[in-house]
C-alpha atoms as a PDB file:
ATOM      1  CA  MET A   1       3.616 110.990  43.294  1.00  0.00           C
ATOM      2  CA  GLU A   2       4.744 107.490  42.623  1.00  0.00           C
ATOM      3  CA  PRO A   3       4.288 106.023  39.203  1.00  0.00           C
ATOM      4  CA  ALA A   4       1.589 103.345  38.953  1.00  0.00           C
ATOM      5  CA  PRO A   5       2.991  99.836  39.055  1.00  0.00           C
ATOM      6  CA  GLU A   6       3.158  98.056  35.770  1.00  0.00           C
ATOM      7  CA  ALA A   7       0.389  95.598  35.161  1.00  0.00           C
ATOM      8  CA  PRO A   8       1.601  92.004  34.994  1.00  0.00           C
ATOM      9  CA  ASP A   9       1.527  90.237  31.680  1.00  0.00           C
ATOM     10  CA  PRO A  10      -1.835  88.547  31.175  1.00  0.00           C
ATOM     11  CA  VAL A  11      -1.859  84.843  31.920  1.00  0.00           C
ATOM     12  CA  PRO A  12      -2.822  82.875  28.835  1.00  0.00           C
ATOM     13  CA  VAL A  13      -5.976  80.893  29.284  1.00  0.00           C
ATOM     14  CA  ARG A  14      -5.618  77.251  28.493  1.00  0.00           C
ATOM     15  CA  GLU A  15      -8.579  75.367  27.276  1.00  0.00           C
ATOM     16  CA  ILE A  16      -9.212  72.103  29.008  1.00  0.00           C
ATOM     17  CA  THR A  17     -10.543  69.338  26.864  1.00  0.00           C
ATOM     18  CA  LEU A  18     -12.238  66.619  28.847  1.00  0.00           C
ATOM     19  CA  ALA A  19     -11.775  63.042  27.798  1.00  0.00           C
ATOM     20  CA  PRO A  20     -14.887  61.490  26.364  1.00  0.00           C
ATOM     21  CA  ALA A  21     -16.911  59.428  28.782  1.00  0.00           C
ATOM     22  CA  PRO A  22     -16.236  55.737  28.359  1.00  0.00           C
ATOM     23  CA  GLU A  23     -18.885  53.885  26.473  1.00  0.00           C
ATOM     24  CA  LEU A  24     -20.149  51.021  28.535  1.00  0.00           C
ATOM     25  CA  ASP A  25     -20.914  47.921  26.605  1.00  0.00           C
ATOM     26  CA  PRO A  26     -22.907  45.830  29.035  1.00  0.00           C
ATOM     27  CA  GLU A  27     -23.487  42.600  27.246  1.00  0.00           C
ATOM     28  CA  LEU A  28     -25.630  40.912  29.838  1.00  0.00           C
ATOM     29  CA  THR A  29     -27.121  37.778  28.491  1.00  0.00           C
ATOM     30  CA  ALA A  30     -30.248  35.993  29.599  1.00  0.00           C
ATOM     31  CA  GLU A  31     -27.966  33.560  31.461  1.00  0.00           C
ATOM     32  CA  ASP A  32     -26.386  36.492  33.347  1.00  0.00           C
ATOM     33  CA  ASP A  33     -29.826  37.804  34.292  1.00  0.00           C
ATOM     34  CA  ALA A  34     -30.916  34.370  35.491  1.00  0.00           C
ATOM     35  CA  LEU A  35     -27.747  33.980  37.568  1.00  0.00           C
ATOM     36  CA  ILE A  36     -28.164  37.428  39.131  1.00  0.00           C
ATOM     37  CA  ASP A  37     -31.816  36.702  39.935  1.00  0.00           C
ATOM     38  CA  ALA A  38     -30.907  33.360  41.523  1.00  0.00           C
ATOM     39  CA  LEU A  39     -28.180  34.958  43.644  1.00  0.00           C
ATOM     40  CA  CYS A  40     -30.533  37.711  44.809  1.00  0.00           C
ATOM     41  CA  LYS A  41     -33.234  35.205  45.738  1.00  0.00           C
ATOM     42  CA  GLY A  42     -30.698  33.123  47.652  1.00  0.00           C
ATOM     43  CA  TRP A  43     -29.415  36.158  49.567  1.00  0.00           C
ATOM     44  CA  GLN A  44     -32.941  37.320  50.353  1.00  0.00           C
ATOM     45  CA  ARG A  45     -33.883  33.838  51.569  1.00  0.00           C
ATOM     46  CA  GLN A  46     -30.733  33.692  53.709  1.00  0.00           C
ATOM     47  CA  GLN A  47     -31.527  37.091  55.250  1.00  0.00           C
ATOM     48  CA  ALA A  48     -35.146  36.099  55.942  1.00  0.00           C
ATOM     49  CA  GLU A  49     -34.041  32.853  57.609  1.00  0.00           C
ATOM     50  CA  ALA A  50     -31.487  34.692  59.750  1.00  0.00           C
ATOM     51  CA  LEU A  51     -34.066  37.272  60.797  1.00  0.00           C
ATOM     52  CA  ALA A  52     -36.620  34.590  61.705  1.00  0.00           C
ATOM     53  CA  ARG A  53     -34.013  32.698  63.731  1.00  0.00           C
ATOM     54  CA  ALA A  54     -32.899  35.925  65.441  1.00  0.00           C
ATOM     55  CA  GLU A  55     -36.493  36.849  66.366  1.00  0.00           C
ATOM     56  CA  ALA A  56     -36.945  33.398  67.895  1.00  0.00           C
ATOM     57  CA  GLU A  57     -33.726  33.773  69.887  1.00  0.00           C
ATOM     58  CA  VAL A  58     -33.843  37.369  71.144  1.00  0.00           C
ATOM     59  CA  GLY A  59     -37.210  38.838  70.216  1.00  0.00           C
ATOM     60  CA  PRO A  60     -38.237  41.372  67.589  1.00  0.00           C
ATOM     61  CA  LYS A  61     -36.424  44.405  69.066  1.00  0.00           C
ATOM     62  CA  ALA A  62     -32.948  42.864  69.101  1.00  0.00           C
ATOM     63  CA  ALA A  63     -33.540  40.662  66.056  1.00  0.00           C
ATOM     64  CA  PRO A  64     -31.935  42.900  63.378  1.00  0.00           C
ATOM     65  CA  GLU A  65     -28.593  43.078  65.219  1.00  0.00           C
ATOM     66  CA  ARG A  66     -28.661  39.353  66.006  1.00  0.00           C
ATOM     67  CA  ALA A  67     -29.522  38.579  62.378  1.00  0.00           C
ATOM     68  CA  ARG A  68     -26.454  40.559  61.249  1.00  0.00           C
ATOM     69  CA  GLU A  69     -24.325  38.550  63.696  1.00  0.00           C
ATOM     70  CA  LEU A  70     -25.770  35.295  62.378  1.00  0.00           C
ATOM     71  CA  LEU A  71     -25.138  36.305  58.762  1.00  0.00           C
ATOM     72  CA  ARG A  72     -21.544  37.338  59.564  1.00  0.00           C
ATOM     73  CA  ALA A  73     -20.942  34.035  61.321  1.00  0.00           C
ATOM     74  CA  GLU A  74     -22.437  32.208  58.351  1.00  0.00           C
ATOM     75  CA  ALA A  75     -20.209  34.086  55.910  1.00  0.00           C
ATOM     76  CA  TYR A  76     -17.046  33.197  57.798  1.00  0.00           C
ATOM     77  CA  ARG A  77     -17.790  29.637  58.776  1.00  0.00           C
ATOM     78  CA  GLU A  78     -15.390  26.950  57.726  1.00  0.00           C
ATOM     79  CA  VAL A  79     -16.355  25.169  54.552  1.00  0.00           C
ATOM     80  CA  PRO A  80     -16.586  21.435  55.221  1.00  0.00           C
ATOM     81  CA  HIS A  81     -14.150  19.368  53.208  1.00  0.00           C
ATOM     82  CA  PRO A  82     -15.037  15.902  51.961  1.00  0.00           C
ATOM     83  CA  ALA A  83     -13.310  12.928  53.518  1.00  0.00           C
ATOM     84  CA  PRO A  84     -10.036  12.060  51.778  1.00  0.00           C
ATOM     85  CA  ASP A  85     -10.256   9.435  49.060  1.00  0.00           C
ATOM     86  CA  PRO A  86      -8.587   6.226  50.356  1.00  0.00           C
ATOM     87  CA  GLN A  87      -7.141   5.432  46.912  1.00  0.00           C
ATOM     88  CA  VAL A  88      -5.501   8.851  46.635  1.00  0.00           C
ATOM     89  CA  GLN A  89      -4.169   8.542  50.178  1.00  0.00           C
ATOM     90  CA  ALA A  90      -2.652   5.139  49.297  1.00  0.00           C
ATOM     91  CA  GLU A  91      -0.959   6.630  46.197  1.00  0.00           C
ATOM     92  CA  ILE A  92       0.480   9.468  48.265  1.00  0.00           C
ATOM     93  CA  ALA A  93       1.762   7.042  50.891  1.00  0.00           C
ATOM     94  CA  SER A  94       3.372   4.796  48.247  1.00  0.00           C
ATOM     95  CA  ARG A  95       5.238   7.744  46.735  1.00  0.00           C
ATOM     96  CA  ALA A  96       6.315   9.121  50.095  1.00  0.00           C
ATOM     97  CA  GLY A  97       9.274   6.718  50.138  1.00  0.00           C
ATOM     98  CA  VAL A  98      10.638   8.095  46.857  1.00  0.00           C
ATOM     99  CA  GLN A  99      13.782  10.162  47.339  1.00  0.00           C
ATOM    100  CA  MET A 100      14.823  12.912  45.014  1.00  0.00           C
ATOM    101  CA  GLU A 101      18.328  12.944  43.656  1.00  0.00           C
ATOM    102  CA  VAL A 102      20.172  16.056  44.768  1.00  0.00           C
ATOM    103  CA  TRP A 103      23.007  17.438  42.683  1.00  0.00           C
ATOM    104  CA  PRO A 104      25.670  19.815  43.894  1.00  0.00           C
ATOM    105  CA  ALA A 105      24.922  23.490  43.253  1.00  0.00           C
ATOM    106  CA  GLU A 106      27.726  23.707  40.690  1.00  0.00           C
ATOM    107  CA  ALA A 107      26.075  21.057  38.530  1.00  0.00           C
ATOM    108  CA  GLU A 108      22.810  23.026  38.352  1.00  0.00           C
ATOM    109  CA  ALA A 109      24.376  26.279  37.152  1.00  0.00           C
ATOM    110  CA  GLU A 110      24.283  27.168  33.476  1.00  0.00           C
ATOM    111  CA  PRO A 111      27.700  27.205  31.787  1.00  0.00           C
ATOM    112  CA  GLU A 112      28.977  30.746  31.278  1.00  0.00           C
ATOM    113  CA  LEU A 113      29.620  31.951  27.759  1.00  0.00           C
ATOM    114  CA  GLU A 114      33.006  33.416  27.028  1.00  0.00           C
ATOM    115  CA  ILE A 115      33.013  36.418  24.754  1.00  0.00           C
ATOM    116  CA  GLY A 116      36.335  36.730  23.017  1.00  0.00           C
END
């Protein structure tokens, strides 16, 4: 008969200590609440307008998909820029003739320190 194999040394059990959950400190002010409410109302209005427009275009069955397309197109449209200010354009044009003085690369380098 063969001798019974030796039992392996017991593996020590390590205790795992979980980090405490972070304490959230939501300091929402009345201004924050008003801003959030205004944004939500604006988004809801935008969605309702897109859905109404989509129903008019393609009918009630295809309206939800068309409304999503309209909202995506609205989100990625180019933001109109105001016309350039003539006074600013004149200032830019007057400075366009100014030339910068260019120095040789050696003149721009910092002098090296000699350690003796």
